[in-house]
């Protein structure tokens, strides 16, 4: 998410994960480092959703 410019740091993602606001393909995500595949949809509640275009 940092690489895509959605978040400014890994620490910001860590906080969102701890709050339970991050979903991957409709399921709550808990891991900070996860290999994403083309077609995965990442949603952050109250921020939006993004589809991975390249794997």
N, C-alpha and C. Protein backbone atom coordinates (compact mmCIF):
# COMPACT_ATOMS: atom_id res chain seq x y z
N UNK A 1 0.83 -1.18 0.00
CA UNK A 1 0.00 0.00 0.00
C UNK A 1 0.88 1.25 0.00
N UNK A 2 2.03 1.15 0.63
CA UNK A 2 2.96 2.27 0.61
C UNK A 2 3.46 2.50 -0.81
N UNK A 3 3.81 1.42 -1.51
CA UNK A 3 4.33 1.53 -2.87
C UNK A 3 3.31 2.19 -3.79
N UNK A 4 2.04 1.91 -3.60
CA UNK A 4 0.98 2.47 -4.44
C UNK A 4 0.62 3.90 -4.05
N UNK A 5 1.19 4.42 -2.95
CA UNK A 5 0.93 5.78 -2.52
C UNK A 5 -0.34 5.93 -1.70
N UNK A 6 -0.92 4.82 -1.27
CA UNK A 6 -2.15 4.87 -0.48
C UNK A 6 -1.82 5.23 0.97
N UNK A 7 -0.74 4.66 1.51
CA UNK A 7 -0.31 4.93 2.88
C UNK A 7 1.10 5.50 2.85
N UNK A 8 1.44 6.26 3.88
CA UNK A 8 2.76 6.89 3.90
C UNK A 8 3.83 6.02 4.53
N UNK A 9 3.44 5.04 5.34
CA UNK A 9 4.45 4.21 6.01
C UNK A 9 3.87 2.85 6.41
N UNK A 10 4.78 1.92 6.70
CA UNK A 10 4.37 0.62 7.20
C UNK A 10 3.73 0.73 8.57
N UNK A 11 4.16 1.72 9.35
CA UNK A 11 3.58 1.94 10.67
C UNK A 11 2.11 2.32 10.59
N UNK A 12 1.77 3.07 9.55
CA UNK A 12 0.37 3.44 9.36
C UNK A 12 -0.47 2.19 9.08
N UNK A 13 0.05 1.28 8.26
CA UNK A 13 -0.65 0.02 7.98
C UNK A 13 -0.78 -0.82 9.25
N UNK A 14 0.26 -0.86 10.04
CA UNK A 14 0.23 -1.63 11.29
C UNK A 14 -0.92 -1.17 12.18
N UNK A 15 -1.11 0.13 12.28
CA UNK A 15 -2.20 0.67 13.09
C UNK A 15 -3.57 0.29 12.53
N UNK A 16 -3.71 0.36 11.20
CA UNK A 16 -4.98 0.00 10.57
C UNK A 16 -5.28 -1.48 10.75
N UNK A 17 -4.24 -2.32 10.66
CA UNK A 17 -4.42 -3.75 10.90
C UNK A 17 -4.87 -4.01 12.33
N UNK A 18 -4.24 -3.32 13.29
CA UNK A 18 -4.60 -3.50 14.70
C UNK A 18 -6.04 -3.08 14.97
N UNK A 19 -6.52 -2.08 14.23
CA UNK A 19 -7.91 -1.62 14.39
C UNK A 19 -8.90 -2.51 13.66
N UNK A 20 -8.40 -3.47 12.87
CA UNK A 20 -9.28 -4.38 12.13
C UNK A 20 -9.97 -3.74 10.94
N UNK A 21 -9.31 -2.75 10.32
CA UNK A 21 -9.92 -2.01 9.21
C UNK A 21 -9.47 -2.49 7.84
N UNK A 22 -8.54 -3.46 7.76
CA UNK A 22 -7.99 -3.89 6.48
C UNK A 22 -8.57 -5.25 6.09
N UNK A 23 -9.07 -5.34 4.85
CA UNK A 23 -9.63 -6.57 4.31
C UNK A 23 -8.95 -6.91 3.00
N UNK A 24 -8.71 -8.18 2.78
CA UNK A 24 -8.15 -8.67 1.51
C UNK A 24 -9.15 -9.66 0.94
N UNK A 25 -9.67 -9.35 -0.23
CA UNK A 25 -10.68 -10.19 -0.89
C UNK A 25 -11.86 -10.48 0.03
N UNK A 26 -12.28 -9.48 0.80
CA UNK A 26 -13.45 -9.59 1.65
C UNK A 26 -13.22 -10.22 3.02
N UNK A 27 -11.98 -10.64 3.29
CA UNK A 27 -11.68 -11.25 4.59
C UNK A 27 -10.71 -10.37 5.37
N UNK A 28 -10.94 -10.27 6.68
CA UNK A 28 -10.10 -9.43 7.52
C UNK A 28 -8.64 -9.88 7.42
N UNK A 29 -7.76 -8.92 7.23
CA UNK A 29 -6.32 -9.19 7.08
C UNK A 29 -5.62 -8.85 8.39
N UNK A 30 -4.64 -9.68 8.76
CA UNK A 30 -3.91 -9.42 10.00
C UNK A 30 -2.40 -9.36 9.79
N UNK A 31 -1.91 -9.81 8.65
CA UNK A 31 -0.46 -9.86 8.41
C UNK A 31 0.04 -8.56 7.77
N UNK A 32 1.16 -8.06 8.26
CA UNK A 32 1.75 -6.84 7.68
C UNK A 32 2.36 -7.12 6.32
N UNK A 33 2.99 -8.27 6.18
CA UNK A 33 3.61 -8.61 4.91
C UNK A 33 2.87 -9.79 4.31
N UNK A 34 2.26 -9.54 3.18
CA UNK A 34 1.50 -10.59 2.51
C UNK A 34 1.75 -10.45 1.02
N UNK A 35 2.04 -11.54 0.38
CA UNK A 35 2.26 -11.53 -1.07
C UNK A 35 0.91 -11.30 -1.74
N UNK A 36 0.80 -10.24 -2.50
CA UNK A 36 -0.43 -9.94 -3.21
C UNK A 36 -0.35 -10.47 -4.63
N UNK A 37 -1.51 -10.89 -5.15
CA UNK A 37 -1.58 -11.42 -6.51
C UNK A 37 -2.46 -10.51 -7.35
N UNK A 38 -2.24 -10.54 -8.66
CA UNK A 38 -3.11 -9.78 -9.56
C UNK A 38 -4.56 -10.22 -9.32
N UNK A 39 -5.44 -9.24 -9.19
CA UNK A 39 -6.85 -9.53 -8.94
C UNK A 39 -7.25 -9.40 -7.49
N UNK A 40 -6.30 -9.42 -6.55
CA UNK A 40 -6.64 -9.23 -5.14
C UNK A 40 -7.25 -7.84 -4.95
N UNK A 41 -8.23 -7.76 -4.05
CA UNK A 41 -8.85 -6.48 -3.72
C UNK A 41 -8.53 -6.18 -2.26
N UNK A 42 -7.91 -5.04 -2.02
CA UNK A 42 -7.57 -4.59 -0.67
C UNK A 42 -8.52 -3.46 -0.31
N UNK A 43 -9.21 -3.60 0.80
CA UNK A 43 -10.13 -2.57 1.26
C UNK A 43 -9.69 -2.09 2.63
N UNK A 44 -9.67 -0.78 2.80
CA UNK A 44 -9.42 -0.18 4.11
C UNK A 44 -10.68 0.60 4.44
N UNK A 45 -11.37 0.16 5.48
CA UNK A 45 -12.64 0.78 5.87
C UNK A 45 -12.45 2.29 6.04
N UNK A 46 -13.38 3.06 5.52
CA UNK A 46 -13.41 4.52 5.57
C UNK A 46 -12.34 5.17 4.70
N UNK A 47 -11.62 4.38 3.87
CA UNK A 47 -10.62 4.97 2.98
C UNK A 47 -10.85 4.58 1.52
N UNK A 48 -11.32 3.36 1.27
CA UNK A 48 -11.55 2.92 -0.10
C UNK A 48 -11.07 1.51 -0.34
N UNK A 49 -11.11 1.12 -1.63
CA UNK A 49 -10.69 -0.24 -2.02
C UNK A 49 -9.84 -0.13 -3.28
N UNK A 50 -8.88 -1.06 -3.41
CA UNK A 50 -7.95 -1.07 -4.53
C UNK A 50 -7.77 -2.49 -5.03
N UNK A 51 -7.71 -2.63 -6.35
CA UNK A 51 -7.47 -3.95 -6.97
C UNK A 51 -6.03 -4.00 -7.45
N UNK A 52 -5.35 -5.11 -7.15
CA UNK A 52 -3.97 -5.31 -7.59
C UNK A 52 -4.01 -5.65 -9.07
N UNK A 53 -3.27 -4.90 -9.87
CA UNK A 53 -3.28 -5.11 -11.33
C UNK A 53 -2.12 -5.97 -11.80
N UNK A 54 -1.01 -5.94 -11.10
CA UNK A 54 0.15 -6.75 -11.48
C UNK A 54 0.58 -7.59 -10.30
N UNK A 55 1.04 -8.80 -10.62
CA UNK A 55 1.48 -9.70 -9.55
C UNK A 55 2.97 -9.80 -9.46
